[in-house]
Protein backbone atom coordinates (compact mmCIF):
# COMPACT_ATOMS: atom_id res chain seq x y z
CA MET A 1 8.66 120.64 -112.87
CA GLU A 2 5.10 121.62 -113.65
CA ILE A 3 2.73 120.76 -110.82
CA PRO A 4 0.06 118.37 -112.16
CA VAL A 5 -3.60 119.17 -111.77
CA LEU A 6 -6.08 116.37 -111.21
CA ASP A 7 -9.18 116.92 -113.33
CA PRO A 8 -12.10 115.41 -111.33
CA ALA A 9 -13.89 114.70 -114.60
CA VAL A 10 -11.01 112.48 -115.68
CA GLY A 11 -10.17 110.94 -112.32
CA TYR A 12 -6.46 110.35 -112.88
CA ILE A 13 -3.28 112.19 -113.81
CA ASN A 14 -3.51 112.44 -117.57
CA ARG A 15 -0.27 113.39 -119.23
CA PRO A 16 1.88 111.82 -121.98
CA ILE A 17 4.48 109.23 -121.01
CA ASP A 18 7.64 108.55 -122.98
CA ARG A 19 6.80 105.34 -124.81
CA PHE A 20 10.39 104.11 -124.37
CA LEU A 21 10.27 104.51 -120.60
CA ASN A 22 10.58 101.24 -118.68
CA LEU A 23 7.59 101.69 -116.39
CA PHE A 24 8.42 98.67 -114.26
CA ASP A 25 11.90 100.03 -113.46
CA GLU A 26 10.51 103.52 -112.85
CA ILE A 27 7.83 102.22 -110.48
CA GLU A 28 10.44 100.28 -108.52
CA ARG A 29 12.59 103.43 -108.30
CA LEU A 30 9.68 105.54 -107.10
CA LYS A 31 8.66 102.95 -104.52
CA THR A 32 12.12 103.10 -102.99
CA GLU A 33 12.41 106.89 -103.13
CA LYS A 34 8.97 107.51 -101.66
CA LYS A 35 8.88 104.60 -99.21
CA ALA A 36 5.75 103.32 -100.92
CA ILE A 37 4.10 99.96 -101.35
CA ILE A 38 1.70 98.76 -104.03
CA LEU A 39 -1.33 96.66 -103.19
CA ALA A 40 -3.05 94.81 -106.02
CA HIS A 41 -6.39 93.07 -105.83
CA TYR A 42 -6.69 89.72 -107.58
CA TYR A 43 -8.89 91.33 -110.25
CA GLN A 44 -6.18 93.68 -111.55
CA GLU A 45 -4.47 93.14 -114.90
CA PRO A 46 -1.44 90.79 -114.78
CA ASP A 47 1.16 93.58 -115.20
CA ILE A 48 -0.13 95.32 -112.07
CA GLN A 49 -0.23 92.07 -110.11
CA ASP A 50 3.36 91.35 -111.10
CA ILE A 51 4.66 94.75 -109.93
CA ALA A 52 2.71 94.70 -106.64
CA ASP A 53 4.25 94.14 -103.22
CA TYR A 54 1.13 92.40 -101.97
CA ILE A 55 -1.66 90.62 -103.87
CA GLY A 56 -4.92 89.50 -102.32
CA ASP A 57 -8.43 90.39 -101.20
CA SER A 58 -9.34 93.91 -100.11
CA LEU A 59 -9.30 93.62 -96.30
CA GLY A 60 -6.22 91.40 -96.21
CA LEU A 61 -4.33 93.92 -98.31
CA ALA A 62 -5.38 96.86 -96.15
CA ARG A 63 -4.31 95.01 -93.00
CA GLN A 64 -0.95 94.06 -94.52
CA ALA A 65 -0.30 97.66 -95.49
CA ALA A 66 -1.14 98.87 -91.99
CA GLU A 67 1.56 96.61 -90.55
CA THR A 68 4.33 98.00 -92.77
CA ASP A 69 6.41 101.11 -92.26
CA ALA A 70 5.49 102.40 -95.71
CA GLU A 71 4.54 106.06 -95.88
CA ILE A 72 2.53 105.78 -99.10
CA ILE A 73 0.03 103.08 -100.08
CA VAL A 74 -0.93 102.75 -103.75
CA PHE A 75 -4.05 100.60 -103.86
CA ALA A 76 -4.59 99.10 -107.30
CA GLY A 77 -8.19 98.16 -106.78
CA VAL A 78 -11.41 100.12 -106.47
CA HIS A 79 -12.46 103.09 -104.37
CA PHE A 80 -13.93 101.31 -101.34
CA MET A 81 -10.74 99.24 -101.03
CA ALA A 82 -8.55 102.35 -100.91
CA GLU A 83 -10.98 103.81 -98.35
CA THR A 84 -10.54 100.70 -96.20
CA ALA A 85 -6.77 101.12 -96.34
CA LYS A 86 -7.18 104.74 -95.21
CA ILE A 87 -9.49 103.68 -92.38
CA LEU A 88 -6.82 101.30 -91.07
CA SER A 89 -3.81 103.53 -91.86
CA PRO A 90 -4.87 107.15 -91.25
CA GLN A 91 -1.28 108.33 -90.91
CA LYS A 92 -0.30 107.03 -94.35
CA LYS A 93 -0.99 108.66 -97.71
CA VAL A 94 -3.33 106.39 -99.69
CA LEU A 95 -3.47 106.68 -103.47
CA LEU A 96 -5.80 105.17 -106.07
CA PRO A 97 -4.58 105.20 -109.70
CA ASP A 98 -8.02 106.16 -111.04
CA LEU A 99 -10.71 107.75 -108.87
CA ASN A 100 -13.36 106.47 -111.29
CA ALA A 101 -12.49 102.90 -110.32
CA GLY A 102 -15.67 102.45 -108.36
CA CYS A 103 -17.70 99.36 -107.54
CA SER A 104 -21.21 98.52 -108.73
CA LEU A 105 -21.96 96.80 -105.43
CA ALA A 106 -20.72 99.63 -103.20
CA ASP A 107 -22.42 102.21 -105.42
CA ALA A 108 -25.71 100.29 -105.12
CA CYS A 109 -25.88 101.12 -101.41
CA PRO A 110 -25.63 104.91 -100.92
CA ALA A 111 -25.21 105.81 -97.27
CA ASP A 112 -28.24 108.15 -97.15
CA GLU A 113 -30.58 105.56 -98.66
CA PHE A 114 -29.16 102.86 -96.42
CA ALA A 115 -29.70 105.02 -93.34
CA ALA A 116 -33.39 105.33 -94.23
CA PHE A 117 -33.60 101.56 -94.82
CA LYS A 118 -31.91 100.88 -91.49
CA ALA A 119 -34.39 103.18 -89.70
CA GLN A 120 -37.23 100.91 -90.88
CA HIS A 121 -35.75 98.05 -88.84
CA PRO A 122 -34.71 99.71 -85.56
CA ASP A 123 -34.33 96.46 -83.62
CA HIS A 124 -31.96 94.87 -86.16
CA ILE A 125 -28.18 94.98 -86.11
CA VAL A 126 -26.39 95.66 -89.36
CA VAL A 127 -23.85 93.26 -90.82
CA SER A 128 -22.28 94.76 -93.93
CA TYR A 129 -20.04 93.08 -96.45
CA ILE A 130 -16.76 94.91 -96.71
CA ASN A 131 -17.56 95.80 -100.34
CA CYS A 132 -19.30 99.01 -99.33
CA THR A 133 -18.41 102.67 -98.91
CA ALA A 134 -16.97 104.20 -95.76
CA GLY A 135 -20.33 105.92 -95.25
CA THR A 136 -22.16 102.59 -95.24
CA LYS A 137 -19.53 101.01 -93.00
CA ALA A 138 -20.09 103.88 -90.56
CA LEU A 139 -23.79 102.88 -90.36
CA SER A 140 -22.95 99.24 -89.67
CA ASP A 141 -22.48 97.27 -86.47
CA ILE A 142 -20.23 94.55 -87.88
CA ILE A 143 -18.33 94.24 -91.15
CA CYS A 144 -17.70 90.85 -92.75
CA THR A 145 -15.81 89.39 -95.68
CA SER A 146 -16.90 86.60 -97.98
CA SER A 147 -14.54 84.24 -96.14
CA ASN A 148 -15.74 84.97 -92.59
CA ALA A 149 -19.37 86.03 -93.17
CA GLU A 150 -20.88 82.68 -92.15
CA HIS A 151 -18.72 82.55 -89.04
CA ILE A 152 -19.84 86.08 -88.11
CA ILE A 153 -23.55 85.39 -88.64
CA ARG A 154 -23.43 82.20 -86.56
CA GLN A 155 -22.12 84.16 -83.56
CA ILE A 156 -25.12 86.49 -83.48
CA PRO A 157 -27.92 85.34 -81.12
CA GLU A 158 -30.74 83.65 -83.02
CA ASP A 159 -33.38 85.98 -81.60
CA GLN A 160 -31.51 89.05 -82.87
CA GLY A 161 -32.77 90.50 -86.14
CA ILE A 162 -30.12 91.14 -88.80
CA ILE A 163 -29.89 93.50 -91.74
CA PHE A 164 -27.37 92.26 -94.28
CA ALA A 165 -25.95 94.62 -96.88
CA PRO A 166 -25.17 95.32 -99.62
CA ASP A 167 -24.95 92.05 -101.66
CA ARG A 168 -28.21 90.16 -102.01
CA ASN A 169 -26.54 87.04 -103.42
CA LEU A 170 -24.09 86.73 -100.56
CA GLY A 171 -27.02 87.40 -98.22
CA ARG A 172 -29.12 84.66 -99.81
CA TRP A 173 -26.21 82.23 -99.64
CA LEU A 174 -25.72 83.03 -95.93
CA ILE A 175 -29.42 82.51 -95.24
CA LYS A 176 -29.17 79.09 -96.89
CA GLN A 177 -25.98 78.19 -95.00
CA THR A 178 -27.07 79.40 -91.56
CA GLY A 179 -30.85 79.16 -91.64
CA ARG A 180 -31.10 82.75 -90.40
CA ASP A 181 -33.96 84.96 -91.58
CA MET A 182 -32.18 88.19 -92.50
CA VAL A 183 -33.39 91.41 -94.10
CA VAL A 184 -31.21 91.77 -97.19
CA TRP A 185 -30.35 94.95 -99.09
CA ASP A 186 -30.90 94.54 -102.84
CA GLY A 187 -27.42 95.13 -104.29
CA VAL A 188 -25.35 93.08 -106.73
CA CYS A 189 -21.89 92.90 -108.25
CA ILE A 190 -22.25 93.29 -112.01
CA VAL A 191 -19.41 90.84 -112.68
CA HIS A 192 -20.80 87.98 -110.60
CA GLN A 193 -24.34 88.68 -111.78
CA MET A 194 -23.43 88.06 -115.43
CA PHE A 195 -22.46 84.38 -115.36
CA SER A 196 -24.69 82.22 -117.53
CA GLU A 197 -26.14 79.09 -115.93
CA GLN A 198 -26.90 77.55 -119.32
CA LYS A 199 -23.37 78.12 -120.64
CA LEU A 200 -21.89 76.89 -117.37
CA VAL A 201 -23.79 73.61 -117.65
CA ARG A 202 -22.54 73.17 -121.22
CA MET A 203 -19.00 73.87 -120.05
CA LYS A 204 -19.32 71.22 -117.34
CA VAL A 205 -20.44 68.70 -119.95
CA ARG A 206 -17.40 69.53 -122.12
CA ASN A 207 -15.08 69.21 -119.11
CA PRO A 208 -16.30 66.17 -117.15
CA GLY A 209 -14.83 65.94 -113.68
CA ALA A 210 -13.75 69.59 -113.58
CA PRO A 211 -15.03 71.15 -110.34
CA VAL A 212 -16.78 74.51 -110.46
CA LEU A 213 -15.34 77.04 -108.02
CA ALA A 214 -17.66 79.99 -107.41
CA HIS A 215 -17.72 83.19 -105.41
CA PRO A 216 -20.82 83.60 -103.18
CA GLU A 217 -21.64 86.89 -104.95
CA CYS A 218 -22.79 84.77 -107.92
CA GLU A 219 -26.49 84.29 -108.59
CA PRO A 220 -28.15 81.26 -106.90
CA GLU A 221 -28.65 79.60 -110.30
CA VAL A 222 -24.88 79.49 -110.72
CA LEU A 223 -24.04 78.59 -107.12
CA ARG A 224 -26.19 75.47 -107.26
CA HIS A 225 -23.77 74.02 -109.81
CA ALA A 226 -20.68 74.85 -107.73
CA ASP A 227 -18.51 72.19 -106.13
CA PHE A 228 -16.87 74.81 -103.93
CA VAL A 229 -18.12 78.25 -102.87
CA GLY A 230 -15.69 80.66 -101.27
CA SER A 231 -13.86 83.96 -101.30
CA THR A 232 -11.30 84.76 -103.95
CA SER A 233 -8.45 83.71 -101.67
CA GLN A 234 -10.28 80.53 -100.69
CA ILE A 235 -10.88 79.67 -104.36
CA ARG A 236 -7.17 80.16 -105.06
CA ARG A 237 -6.17 77.96 -102.12
CA PHE A 238 -8.69 75.23 -103.02
CA ALA A 239 -7.39 74.98 -106.60
CA LYS A 240 -3.80 74.84 -105.41
CA GLU A 241 -4.41 72.05 -102.92
CA ASP A 242 -6.94 69.96 -104.89
CA PRO A 243 -5.34 67.11 -106.89
CA ARG A 244 -7.58 67.59 -109.92
CA THR A 245 -6.05 69.32 -112.93
CA THR A 246 -8.91 71.24 -114.58
CA PHE A 247 -11.14 73.81 -112.87
CA ILE A 248 -14.01 76.05 -113.95
CA VAL A 249 -13.81 79.35 -112.08
CA ALA A 250 -16.85 81.60 -111.56
CA THR A 251 -15.37 84.89 -110.47
CA GLU A 252 -13.51 87.77 -112.12
CA GLU A 253 -10.90 86.33 -114.47
CA GLY A 254 -8.01 88.31 -112.95
CA ILE A 255 -7.64 85.58 -110.31
CA LEU A 256 -6.64 83.10 -113.02
CA HIS A 257 -3.23 84.80 -113.32
CA GLN A 258 -2.26 83.88 -109.75
CA MET A 259 -3.91 80.46 -109.96
CA GLN A 260 -1.86 79.63 -113.04
CA LYS A 261 1.32 80.81 -111.28
CA ASP A 262 0.44 78.62 -108.29
CA SER A 263 -0.16 75.54 -110.44
CA PRO A 264 1.50 75.77 -113.89
CA GLY A 265 0.46 72.23 -114.77
CA LYS A 266 -3.25 72.81 -114.17
CA THR A 267 -5.93 74.25 -116.46
CA PHE A 268 -8.22 77.05 -115.30
CA ILE A 269 -11.29 77.97 -117.34
CA GLY A 270 -13.25 81.13 -116.65
CA ALA A 271 -16.98 80.54 -116.34
CA PRO A 272 -18.80 82.19 -119.28
CA PRO A 273 -20.97 85.32 -118.91
CA GLU A 274 -24.30 85.86 -120.64
CA SER A 275 -22.63 88.08 -123.25
CA GLY A 276 -20.80 86.78 -126.30
CA CYS A 277 -17.43 87.63 -124.73
CA ALA A 278 -15.39 84.65 -123.61
CA CYS A 279 -14.09 86.58 -120.59
CA ASN A 280 -15.57 88.15 -117.50
CA GLN A 281 -13.71 91.26 -116.38
CA CYS A 282 -14.72 93.99 -113.94
CA PRO A 283 -14.78 97.23 -115.94
CA HIS A 284 -14.10 99.26 -112.78
CA MET A 285 -11.06 97.23 -111.73
CA ARG A 286 -9.65 97.43 -115.25
CA LEU A 287 -9.67 101.24 -115.24
CA ASN A 288 -6.37 100.95 -113.41
CA THR A 289 -3.43 100.50 -115.78
CA ILE A 290 0.31 100.30 -115.33
CA GLU A 291 0.60 103.80 -116.85
CA LYS A 292 -1.89 105.29 -114.40
CA LEU A 293 -0.17 103.52 -111.54
CA TYR A 294 3.17 105.05 -112.53
CA LEU A 295 1.72 108.57 -112.81
CA CYS A 296 -0.18 108.13 -109.55
CA LEU A 297 2.99 107.22 -107.69
CA GLU A 298 5.08 109.89 -109.40
CA HIS A 299 2.68 112.75 -108.59
CA GLU A 300 1.08 111.23 -105.45
CA LEU A 301 -2.40 111.75 -106.88
CA PRO A 302 -5.29 110.92 -106.70
CA GLU A 303 -5.28 110.75 -102.90
CA ILE A 304 -8.01 109.19 -100.74
CA THR A 305 -9.06 111.35 -97.81
CA MET A 306 -11.89 111.28 -95.28
CA ASP A 307 -12.89 113.15 -92.15
CA GLU A 308 -11.79 111.62 -88.86
CA ALA A 309 -15.32 111.20 -87.49
CA THR A 310 -16.36 109.06 -90.46
CA ARG A 311 -13.13 107.09 -90.29
CA LEU A 312 -13.62 106.22 -86.63
CA ARG A 313 -17.29 105.25 -87.15
CA ALA A 314 -16.28 103.06 -90.11
CA LYS A 315 -13.41 101.47 -88.21
CA ALA A 316 -15.52 100.37 -85.24
CA PRO A 317 -17.45 97.63 -87.11
CA ILE A 318 -14.21 96.43 -88.73
CA ASP A 319 -12.67 96.08 -85.28
CA ARG A 320 -15.73 94.10 -84.11
CA MET A 321 -15.34 91.77 -87.09
CA LEU A 322 -11.66 91.21 -86.37
CA ALA A 323 -12.45 90.32 -82.78
CA MET A 324 -15.21 87.90 -83.86
CA SER A 325 -13.18 86.29 -86.64
CA ALA A 326 -9.90 85.81 -84.80
CA ALA A 327 -10.15 82.04 -85.22
CA VAL A 328 -10.85 82.22 -88.97
CA LYS A 329 -7.86 81.44 -91.19
């Protein structure tokens, strides 16, 4: 068989696939043969979610994979998520279906620029949201997730200065929730930045009684209309347990697939973006397709690698977070 070559300009194995091939069966076969597992973030397309072994948020997925005896991890998500899996599972081969599946938020905080920013506040400790590169994690003291960020911040002594990176909206929300005066890096997620407050208000009027569930990466103008603010997993759990039957959801629309499976009798409406499109998808997440996933697993490319020194520096703040958030469910 011809050995495939990964063109860095393309970012994924690009070769024709027999259109009559049952990709779902082939992926299952390859998983068994290669002792592989597939992780899918909530923002992936439904086909990828349905073929995945685990579905969830980035850190939870990486931790689940580390606890398995799988030899190969295929992370259907974005680059920083696959990096996190490699940080926690250095002995496993970690694959990403498309290397160009980046993240606007992680890309907004380059490690070299962040190092210079950090040097301006030498007495501050750095709390970084997990949606950042391994290089930025390596410059951090503590990592947090959207579900445990408030719990983490509240454990830091009040007289200790804090730099929070890279999401300004999550940082602003934490300042409001905790009353802490933090120095916040100016980064945003393009998906959560695009929700329209005006259209959201109109949607609430058309759906009286429907609670708005929002991710804290949303702009403050959107969050002020939310009935519940939480991580993707927390939003999913809230909708499943709440007795109401219609919900407006302000996060990437991929989560609606699992929410609908959780509660077939309920209605989930994606909050509208500023654009004319009725949907709100992450263009980076959607670079992954079932075809790319199949080729990635077949050829074991593209692979995520990093030097051991960076991995260890990036793992230290994750370990601190896990110790501080042990009581968080």
